Amino acid sequence: MLISYKRFQKGNAESLQRVVSNFEAAMALDTARNEYMLHSQIHQWFIQGNGTNEVNSLNEKVYAELFLTFNSDPWLGLMSSEGYSAIDNDGVQSSLGTSQK
């Protein structure tokens, strides 16, 4: 299993199962929320021409108004140890550009 390989090479089955369960629940909730709540809002913006002509401004609008995650948020990117991001080393890099954990 990919999550086991990336996060639990030493084999902690209980922690692994918690992370997998949390990941599956988060994916199901996120998929439903995206499809039934956020998707329609983005289509409404396109119909209204509401600042969606340029990809960078659309991206900023989506994160600020739909995801409610502003670039200036100092907590952006933090997660619990039982979360799984699917990004190598959970996206953590040292200032030298080498991955760390």
N, C-alpha and C. Protein backbone atom coordinates (compact mmCIF):
# COMPACT_ATOMS: atom_id res chain seq x y z
N MET A 1 0.85 -1.17 0.00
CA MET A 1 0.00 0.00 0.00
C MET A 1 0.89 1.24 0.00
N LEU A 2 0.54 2.22 -0.82
CA LEU A 2 1.33 3.41 -1.00
C LEU A 2 1.51 4.20 0.30
N ILE A 3 0.45 4.37 1.07
CA ILE A 3 0.56 5.13 2.32
C ILE A 3 1.52 4.44 3.27
N SER A 4 1.46 3.15 3.35
CA SER A 4 2.37 2.39 4.20
C SER A 4 3.82 2.61 3.77
N TYR A 5 4.06 2.55 2.48
CA TYR A 5 5.40 2.73 1.94
C TYR A 5 5.93 4.13 2.24
N LYS A 6 5.07 5.15 2.05
CA LYS A 6 5.52 6.53 2.21
C LYS A 6 5.63 6.99 3.65
N ARG A 7 4.81 6.45 4.55
CA ARG A 7 4.77 6.98 5.92
C ARG A 7 5.18 5.99 7.00
N PHE A 8 5.06 4.69 6.76
CA PHE A 8 5.23 3.71 7.83
C PHE A 8 6.14 2.56 7.42
N GLN A 9 7.36 2.87 6.98
CA GLN A 9 8.27 1.82 6.55
C GLN A 9 8.58 0.83 7.69
N LYS A 10 8.55 1.28 8.93
CA LYS A 10 8.87 0.41 10.05
C LYS A 10 7.67 -0.41 10.50
N GLY A 11 6.50 -0.13 9.98
CA GLY A 11 5.32 -0.96 10.22
C GLY A 11 4.62 -0.75 11.54
N ASN A 12 3.81 0.24 11.66
CA ASN A 12 2.96 0.46 12.81
C ASN A 12 1.52 0.33 12.31
N ALA A 13 0.98 -0.89 12.37
CA ALA A 13 -0.31 -1.21 11.75
C ALA A 13 -1.46 -0.38 12.31
N GLU A 14 -1.48 -0.14 13.60
CA GLU A 14 -2.57 0.63 14.20
C GLU A 14 -2.56 2.07 13.70
N SER A 15 -1.40 2.71 13.69
CA SER A 15 -1.30 4.08 13.19
C SER A 15 -1.62 4.15 11.71
N LEU A 16 -1.13 3.16 10.96
CA LEU A 16 -1.40 3.11 9.53
C LEU A 16 -2.90 3.02 9.27
N GLN A 17 -3.60 2.16 9.99
CA GLN A 17 -5.04 2.01 9.77
C GLN A 17 -5.79 3.30 10.10
N ARG A 18 -5.37 4.00 11.14
CA ARG A 18 -5.99 5.28 11.49
C ARG A 18 -5.79 6.30 10.38
N VAL A 19 -4.57 6.37 9.84
CA VAL A 19 -4.28 7.32 8.76
C VAL A 19 -5.09 6.96 7.52
N VAL A 20 -5.15 5.68 7.16
CA VAL A 20 -5.91 5.25 6.00
C VAL A 20 -7.40 5.57 6.18
N SER A 21 -7.94 5.26 7.34
CA SER A 21 -9.36 5.55 7.60
C SER A 21 -9.64 7.04 7.52
N ASN A 22 -8.78 7.85 8.11
CA ASN A 22 -8.95 9.30 8.06
C ASN A 22 -8.86 9.81 6.62
N PHE A 23 -7.91 9.27 5.85
CA PHE A 23 -7.74 9.67 4.46
C PHE A 23 -8.98 9.32 3.64
N GLU A 24 -9.49 8.11 3.80
CA GLU A 24 -10.68 7.69 3.05
C GLU A 24 -11.90 8.54 3.40
N ALA A 25 -12.08 8.82 4.67
CA ALA A 25 -13.21 9.66 5.10
C ALA A 25 -13.07 11.07 4.55
N ALA A 26 -11.86 11.61 4.60
CA ALA A 26 -11.63 12.97 4.09
C ALA A 26 -11.87 13.04 2.59
N MET A 27 -11.45 12.00 1.85
CA MET A 27 -11.65 11.98 0.39
C MET A 27 -13.14 11.90 0.05
N ALA A 28 -13.89 11.09 0.76
CA ALA A 28 -15.32 10.96 0.50
C ALA A 28 -16.04 12.28 0.78
N LEU A 29 -15.74 12.89 1.91
CA LEU A 29 -16.37 14.16 2.28
C LEU A 29 -15.97 15.26 1.31
N ASP A 30 -14.71 15.32 0.97
CA ASP A 30 -14.21 16.35 0.06
C ASP A 30 -14.85 16.21 -1.33
N THR A 31 -14.98 14.99 -1.81
CA THR A 31 -15.59 14.74 -3.12
C THR A 31 -17.05 15.20 -3.13
N ALA A 32 -17.80 14.83 -2.12
CA ALA A 32 -19.21 15.24 -2.05
C ALA A 32 -19.34 16.75 -1.94
N ARG A 33 -18.54 17.35 -1.10
CA ARG A 33 -18.58 18.81 -0.92
C ARG A 33 -18.22 19.52 -2.22
N ASN A 34 -17.17 19.07 -2.89
CA ASN A 34 -16.76 19.69 -4.15
C ASN A 34 -17.85 19.60 -5.20
N GLU A 35 -18.44 18.43 -5.33
CA GLU A 35 -19.43 18.22 -6.38
C GLU A 35 -20.72 18.98 -6.12
N TYR A 36 -21.20 18.98 -4.90
CA TYR A 36 -22.52 19.54 -4.63
C TYR A 36 -22.53 20.97 -4.12
N MET A 37 -21.39 21.47 -3.67
CA MET A 37 -21.38 22.83 -3.14
C MET A 37 -20.47 23.76 -3.97
N LEU A 38 -19.25 23.36 -4.18
CA LEU A 38 -18.28 24.26 -4.78
C LEU A 38 -18.36 24.32 -6.30
N HIS A 39 -18.61 23.18 -6.91
CA HIS A 39 -18.67 23.09 -8.36
C HIS A 39 -19.70 24.07 -8.93
N SER A 40 -20.87 24.10 -8.34
CA SER A 40 -21.93 24.98 -8.86
C SER A 40 -21.57 26.45 -8.68
N GLN A 41 -20.86 26.78 -7.62
CA GLN A 41 -20.45 28.18 -7.41
C GLN A 41 -19.47 28.63 -8.49
N ILE A 42 -18.53 27.78 -8.84
CA ILE A 42 -17.57 28.12 -9.89
C ILE A 42 -18.29 28.31 -11.23
N HIS A 43 -19.24 27.45 -11.53
CA HIS A 43 -20.01 27.61 -12.76
C HIS A 43 -20.79 28.92 -12.75
N GLN A 44 -21.31 29.30 -11.61
CA GLN A 44 -22.02 30.58 -11.49
C GLN A 44 -21.08 31.75 -11.78
N TRP A 45 -19.85 31.68 -11.29
CA TRP A 45 -18.87 32.73 -11.57
C TRP A 45 -18.60 32.82 -13.07
N PHE A 46 -18.48 31.66 -13.74
CA PHE A 46 -18.24 31.68 -15.18
C PHE A 46 -19.40 32.34 -15.91
N ILE A 47 -20.62 32.00 -15.53
CA ILE A 47 -21.81 32.57 -16.17
C ILE A 47 -21.85 34.09 -15.98
N GLN A 48 -21.50 34.55 -14.79
CA GLN A 48 -21.54 35.98 -14.47
C GLN A 48 -20.29 36.72 -14.95
N GLY A 49 -19.25 35.98 -15.37
CA GLY A 49 -17.99 36.63 -15.76
C GLY A 49 -17.33 37.31 -14.57
N ASN A 50 -17.47 36.73 -13.42
CA ASN A 50 -17.07 37.31 -12.14
C ASN A 50 -15.59 37.12 -11.82
N GLY A 51 -14.71 37.82 -12.54
CA GLY A 51 -13.28 37.73 -12.26
C GLY A 51 -12.68 36.38 -12.57
N THR A 52 -13.19 35.72 -13.62
CA THR A 52 -12.71 34.37 -13.91
C THR A 52 -12.04 34.28 -15.28
N ASN A 53 -11.65 35.42 -15.84
CA ASN A 53 -11.06 35.42 -17.19
C ASN A 53 -9.60 35.02 -17.19
N GLU A 54 -8.94 35.11 -16.07
CA GLU A 54 -7.51 34.84 -15.99
C GLU A 54 -7.27 33.79 -14.92
N VAL A 55 -6.47 32.77 -15.20
CA VAL A 55 -6.34 31.60 -14.33
C VAL A 55 -5.80 31.96 -12.94
N ASN A 56 -4.84 32.88 -12.84
CA ASN A 56 -4.29 33.22 -11.53
C ASN A 56 -5.32 33.93 -10.64
N SER A 57 -6.11 34.83 -11.23
CA SER A 57 -7.15 35.50 -10.43
C SER A 57 -8.26 34.51 -10.06
N LEU A 58 -8.59 33.59 -10.96
CA LEU A 58 -9.57 32.56 -10.64
C LEU A 58 -9.06 31.69 -9.49
N ASN A 59 -7.82 31.31 -9.55
CA ASN A 59 -7.22 30.49 -8.50
C ASN A 59 -7.28 31.20 -7.15
N GLU A 60 -6.91 32.47 -7.13
CA GLU A 60 -6.98 33.26 -5.89
C GLU A 60 -8.42 33.32 -5.37
N LYS A 61 -9.37 33.54 -6.27
CA LYS A 61 -10.78 33.64 -5.89
C LYS A 61 -11.28 32.31 -5.31
N VAL A 62 -10.92 31.19 -5.95
CA VAL A 62 -11.34 29.87 -5.47
C VAL A 62 -10.80 29.62 -4.07
N TYR A 63 -9.51 29.87 -3.87
CA TYR A 63 -8.92 29.62 -2.55
C TYR A 63 -9.48 30.58 -1.50
N ALA A 64 -9.63 31.84 -1.83
CA ALA A 64 -10.10 32.82 -0.85
C ALA A 64 -11.58 32.70 -0.54
N GLU A 65 -12.42 32.51 -1.56
CA GLU A 65 -13.87 32.55 -1.37
C GLU A 65 -14.54 31.18 -1.22
N LEU A 66 -13.96 30.15 -1.79
CA LEU A 66 -14.56 28.82 -1.66
C LEU A 66 -13.86 27.98 -0.59
N PHE A 67 -12.53 27.88 -0.70
CA PHE A 67 -11.80 27.07 0.27
C PHE A 67 -11.54 27.82 1.57
N LEU A 68 -11.70 29.14 1.54
CA LEU A 68 -11.45 30.00 2.70
C LEU A 68 -10.04 29.80 3.26
N THR A 69 -9.09 29.66 2.35
CA THR A 69 -7.68 29.53 2.72
C THR A 69 -6.91 30.63 2.02
N PHE A 70 -6.61 31.68 2.72
CA PHE A 70 -5.92 32.82 2.16
C PHE A 70 -4.42 32.58 2.16
N ASN A 71 -3.73 33.09 1.14
CA ASN A 71 -2.28 32.94 1.06
C ASN A 71 -1.57 33.50 2.28
N SER A 72 -2.14 34.47 2.94
CA SER A 72 -1.50 35.10 4.09
C SER A 72 -1.68 34.31 5.39
N ASP A 73 -2.40 33.19 5.36
CA ASP A 73 -2.66 32.39 6.55
C ASP A 73 -1.38 31.70 7.01
N PRO A 74 -0.84 32.04 8.19
CA PRO A 74 0.41 31.42 8.65
C PRO A 74 0.26 29.94 8.99
N TRP A 75 -0.96 29.46 9.16
CA TRP A 75 -1.19 28.06 9.51
C TRP A 75 -1.44 27.19 8.28
N LEU A 76 -1.47 27.79 7.11
CA LEU A 76 -1.74 27.07 5.88
C LEU A 76 -0.73 25.94 5.69
N GLY A 77 -1.24 24.74 5.48
CA GLY A 77 -0.38 23.58 5.25
C GLY A 77 -0.13 22.72 6.46
N LEU A 78 -0.53 23.16 7.65
CA LEU A 78 -0.31 22.34 8.83
C LEU A 78 -1.39 21.28 8.93
N MET A 79 -1.03 20.10 9.39
CA MET A 79 -2.00 19.02 9.56
C MET A 79 -1.57 18.13 10.71
N SER A 80 -2.49 17.32 11.20
CA SER A 80 -2.18 16.41 12.30
C SER A 80 -1.31 15.25 11.81
N SER A 81 -0.70 14.55 12.74
CA SER A 81 0.14 13.41 12.38
C SER A 81 -0.68 12.24 11.84
N GLU A 82 -1.99 12.28 11.99
CA GLU A 82 -2.85 11.21 11.47
C GLU A 82 -3.45 11.57 10.12
N GLY A 83 -2.99 12.66 9.52
CA GLY A 83 -3.45 13.05 8.20
C GLY A 83 -2.52 12.49 7.14
N TYR A 84 -2.96 12.50 5.89
CA TYR A 84 -2.15 12.04 4.78
C TYR A 84 -2.37 12.97 3.60
N SER A 85 -1.31 13.56 3.08
CA SER A 85 -1.43 14.53 2.00
C SER A 85 -1.20 13.94 0.61
N ALA A 86 -0.59 12.76 0.52
CA ALA A 86 -0.23 12.10 -0.73
C ALA A 86 0.93 12.79 -1.43
N ILE A 87 1.56 13.74 -0.78
CA ILE A 87 2.72 14.45 -1.32
C ILE A 87 3.96 13.89 -0.65
N ASP A 88 5.01 13.64 -1.42
CA ASP A 88 6.26 13.14 -0.84
C ASP A 88 6.68 13.99 0.35
N ASN A 89 6.97 13.33 1.46
CA ASN A 89 7.37 13.99 2.72
C ASN A 89 6.36 15.05 3.16
N ASP A 90 5.10 14.86 2.78
CA ASP A 90 4.02 15.80 3.08
C ASP A 90 4.36 17.23 2.67
N GLY A 91 5.22 17.36 1.64
CA GLY A 91 5.57 18.67 1.11
C GLY A 91 6.57 19.44 1.94
N VAL A 92 7.14 18.80 2.96
CA VAL A 92 8.09 19.48 3.84
C VAL A 92 9.48 19.42 3.22
N GLN A 93 10.11 20.58 3.09
CA GLN A 93 11.46 20.66 2.56
C GLN A 93 12.27 21.61 3.43
N SER A 94 13.56 21.31 3.54
CA SER A 94 14.44 22.21 4.28
C SER A 94 14.74 23.41 3.40
N SER A 95 15.38 24.40 3.95
CA SER A 95 15.72 25.59 3.18
C SER A 95 16.75 25.29 2.09
N LEU A 96 17.42 24.14 2.20
CA LEU A 96 18.39 23.74 1.19
C LEU A 96 17.74 22.96 0.06
N GLY A 97 16.45 22.69 0.17
CA GLY A 97 15.73 22.00 -0.87
C GLY A 97 15.72 20.49 -0.73
N THR A 98 16.30 19.96 0.34
CA THR A 98 16.27 18.51 0.56
C THR A 98 15.10 18.18 1.47
N SER A 99 14.49 17.06 1.22
CA SER A 99 13.32 16.66 2.01
C SER A 99 13.74 16.28 3.42
N GLN A 100 12.85 16.58 4.35
CA GLN A 100 13.08 16.19 5.75
C GLN A 100 11.79 15.70 6.35
N LYS A 101 11.84 14.98 7.43
CA LYS A 101 10.64 14.46 8.09
C LYS A 101 10.75 14.66 9.55
